[in-house]
Amino acid sequence: MLSIGKLSGATGVKVPTIRYYEQIGLLPRAGRSTGNQRLYDRPAVERLAFIRHARELGFSLEDIRELLALADDPEKPCAAADLIAGRQLAAVNARLRRLEALRDELQRMLAQCTSGRIADCRVIEVLGNHALCAHDHAEAAGA
């Protein structure tokens, strides 16, 4: 059995995050020691590692909740898990396309810069006038 601090060390998940995952039901409530300290068993370590890895891959907490429910019933077909992972892949690809457009715009902006005075600076000019941009990248920046 591990304390919350040792669980944190073993999984790389911060203590407040572990408490939050318990609070929202992603991680089962821990048992308690006689001193009322949280104690976690091996399945809790594995579940938390699953959650951390899924978060690193960008899955939302709701997607993780669905994936954990699927993992808890190993006899189910994996089509539902594939669907969730497919949605995440599509979202990652969309973000990559937006980031590539941002990169291209920044490269274009810098390529047009003459490194003269601020009064003639293409970077400042383009940032001040979105119409000078080659792409509509407001969505990529979260605007």
Protein backbone atom coordinates (compact mmCIF):
# COMPACT_ATOMS: atom_id res chain seq x y z
CA MET A 1 0.00 0.00 0.00
CA LEU A 2 1.23 3.47 -0.90
CA SER A 3 0.56 6.83 0.70
CA ILE A 4 -0.61 9.62 -1.58
CA GLY A 5 2.91 11.08 -1.59
CA LYS A 6 4.47 7.78 -2.64
CA LEU A 7 1.73 7.30 -5.25
CA SER A 8 2.57 10.75 -6.59
CA GLY A 9 6.25 9.83 -6.76
CA ALA A 10 5.54 6.49 -8.42
CA THR A 11 3.29 7.94 -11.13
CA GLY A 12 4.52 11.53 -11.57
CA VAL A 13 1.03 12.86 -10.83
CA LYS A 14 0.88 15.70 -8.30
CA VAL A 15 -0.94 15.15 -5.01
CA PRO A 16 -3.66 17.79 -5.66
CA THR A 17 -4.35 16.17 -9.04
CA ILE A 18 -4.69 12.75 -7.42
CA ARG A 19 -7.20 14.21 -4.95
CA TYR A 20 -9.06 15.85 -7.83
CA TYR A 21 -9.24 12.57 -9.77
CA GLU A 22 -10.70 10.95 -6.67
CA GLN A 23 -13.18 13.78 -6.25
CA ILE A 24 -14.48 13.49 -9.82
CA GLY A 25 -14.56 9.69 -9.71
CA LEU A 26 -11.76 8.83 -12.15
CA LEU A 27 -9.81 7.25 -9.32
CA PRO A 28 -11.66 5.27 -6.64
CA ARG A 29 -11.62 6.73 -3.14
CA ALA A 30 -8.58 5.47 -1.30
CA GLY A 31 -8.73 3.35 1.78
CA ARG A 32 -7.50 4.94 4.98
CA SER A 33 -4.91 3.94 7.53
CA THR A 34 -5.61 4.02 11.23
CA GLY A 35 -4.07 7.51 11.17
CA ASN A 36 -6.58 8.50 8.42
CA GLN A 37 -3.86 8.61 5.75
CA ARG A 38 -4.92 7.67 2.21
CA LEU A 39 -3.58 4.30 1.11
CA TYR A 40 -3.43 3.11 -2.50
CA ASP A 41 -3.08 -0.42 -3.83
CA ARG A 42 -1.49 -1.68 -7.07
CA PRO A 43 -4.70 -1.32 -9.16
CA ALA A 44 -4.89 2.36 -8.11
CA VAL A 45 -1.29 2.86 -9.26
CA GLU A 46 -2.08 1.24 -12.61
CA ARG A 47 -5.28 3.25 -13.03
CA LEU A 48 -3.50 6.50 -12.25
CA ALA A 49 -0.73 5.63 -14.69
CA PHE A 50 -3.42 4.98 -17.35
CA ILE A 51 -5.00 8.37 -16.62
CA ARG A 52 -1.66 10.17 -16.76
CA HIS A 53 -0.70 8.56 -20.06
CA ALA A 54 -4.10 9.35 -21.57
CA ARG A 55 -3.76 12.99 -20.44
CA GLU A 56 -0.28 13.15 -22.00
CA LEU A 57 -1.88 12.04 -25.27
CA GLY A 58 -4.38 14.88 -24.95
CA PHE A 59 -7.52 12.92 -24.09
CA SER A 60 -10.17 14.88 -22.25
CA LEU A 61 -11.24 13.80 -18.78
CA GLU A 62 -14.58 12.68 -20.20
CA ASP A 63 -12.85 10.55 -22.84
CA ILE A 64 -10.67 9.07 -20.11
CA ARG A 65 -13.76 8.30 -18.06
CA GLU A 66 -15.20 6.41 -21.06
CA LEU A 67 -11.91 4.61 -21.70
CA LEU A 68 -11.64 3.56 -18.06
CA ALA A 69 -15.19 2.21 -18.15
CA LEU A 70 -14.24 0.20 -21.22
CA ALA A 71 -11.04 -1.01 -19.55
CA ASP A 72 -13.10 -2.16 -16.57
CA ASP A 73 -15.06 -4.50 -18.88
CA PRO A 74 -12.35 -6.36 -20.84
CA GLU A 75 -14.78 -8.62 -22.69
CA LYS A 76 -16.40 -5.76 -24.60
CA PRO A 77 -15.35 -5.16 -28.21
CA CYS A 78 -12.80 -2.40 -28.60
CA ALA A 79 -14.72 -0.46 -31.28
CA ALA A 80 -15.75 2.17 -28.74
CA ALA A 81 -12.13 2.68 -27.66
CA ASP A 82 -11.09 2.90 -31.31
CA LEU A 83 -13.75 5.56 -31.90
CA ILE A 84 -12.51 7.66 -28.96
CA ALA A 85 -8.88 7.34 -30.10
CA GLY A 86 -9.93 8.19 -33.66
CA ARG A 87 -11.63 11.37 -32.47
CA GLN A 88 -8.48 12.32 -30.57
CA LEU A 89 -6.32 11.66 -33.62
CA ALA A 90 -8.60 13.86 -35.75
CA ALA A 91 -8.35 16.65 -33.17
CA VAL A 92 -4.54 16.36 -33.09
CA ASN A 93 -4.38 16.48 -36.90
CA ALA A 94 -6.60 19.58 -36.93
CA ARG A 95 -4.35 21.28 -34.37
CA LEU A 96 -1.29 20.35 -36.42
CA ARG A 97 -2.81 21.93 -39.53
CA ARG A 98 -3.54 25.12 -37.58
CA LEU A 99 -0.03 25.17 -36.12
CA GLU A 100 1.49 24.66 -39.57
CA ALA A 101 -0.51 27.64 -40.85
CA LEU A 102 0.75 29.71 -37.91
CA ARG A 103 4.34 28.63 -38.60
CA ASP A 104 3.99 29.52 -42.27
CA GLU A 105 2.57 32.94 -41.42
CA LEU A 106 5.36 33.70 -38.95
CA GLN A 107 7.99 32.57 -41.47
CA ARG A 108 6.43 34.77 -44.16
CA MET A 109 6.26 37.71 -41.78
CA LEU A 110 9.93 37.33 -40.83
CA ALA A 111 11.04 36.77 -44.42
CA GLN A 112 9.51 40.15 -45.37
CA CYS A 113 11.25 41.95 -42.52
CA THR A 114 14.11 44.25 -43.54
CA SER A 115 15.48 44.51 -39.98
CA GLY A 116 15.33 48.29 -40.24
CA ARG A 117 13.49 50.65 -37.93
CA ILE A 118 10.31 49.81 -36.03
CA ALA A 119 8.50 52.36 -38.22
CA ASP A 120 9.22 50.05 -41.17
CA CYS A 121 8.97 46.73 -39.31
CA ARG A 122 6.90 44.13 -41.18
CA VAL A 123 6.29 42.13 -37.98
CA ILE A 124 4.70 45.12 -36.26
CA GLU A 125 2.80 46.03 -39.42
CA VAL A 126 1.32 42.55 -39.91
CA LEU A 127 0.43 42.17 -36.22
CA GLY A 128 -1.38 45.49 -36.43
CA ASN A 129 -3.31 44.59 -39.57
CA HIS A 130 -4.67 41.05 -39.81
CA ALA A 131 -5.64 41.68 -43.45
CA LEU A 132 -1.93 41.46 -44.34
CA CYS A 133 -1.81 37.83 -43.23
CA ALA A 134 -1.90 35.07 -45.81
CA HIS A 135 -4.07 32.79 -43.64
CA ASP A 136 -6.94 33.17 -41.21
CA HIS A 137 -5.23 31.77 -38.12
CA ALA A 138 -7.32 33.38 -35.38
CA GLU A 139 -8.87 29.99 -34.55
CA ALA A 140 -5.44 28.41 -34.14
CA ALA A 141 -4.53 30.93 -31.50
CA GLY A 142 -7.72 30.20 -29.56
CA ALA A 143 -9.34 33.55 -30.37
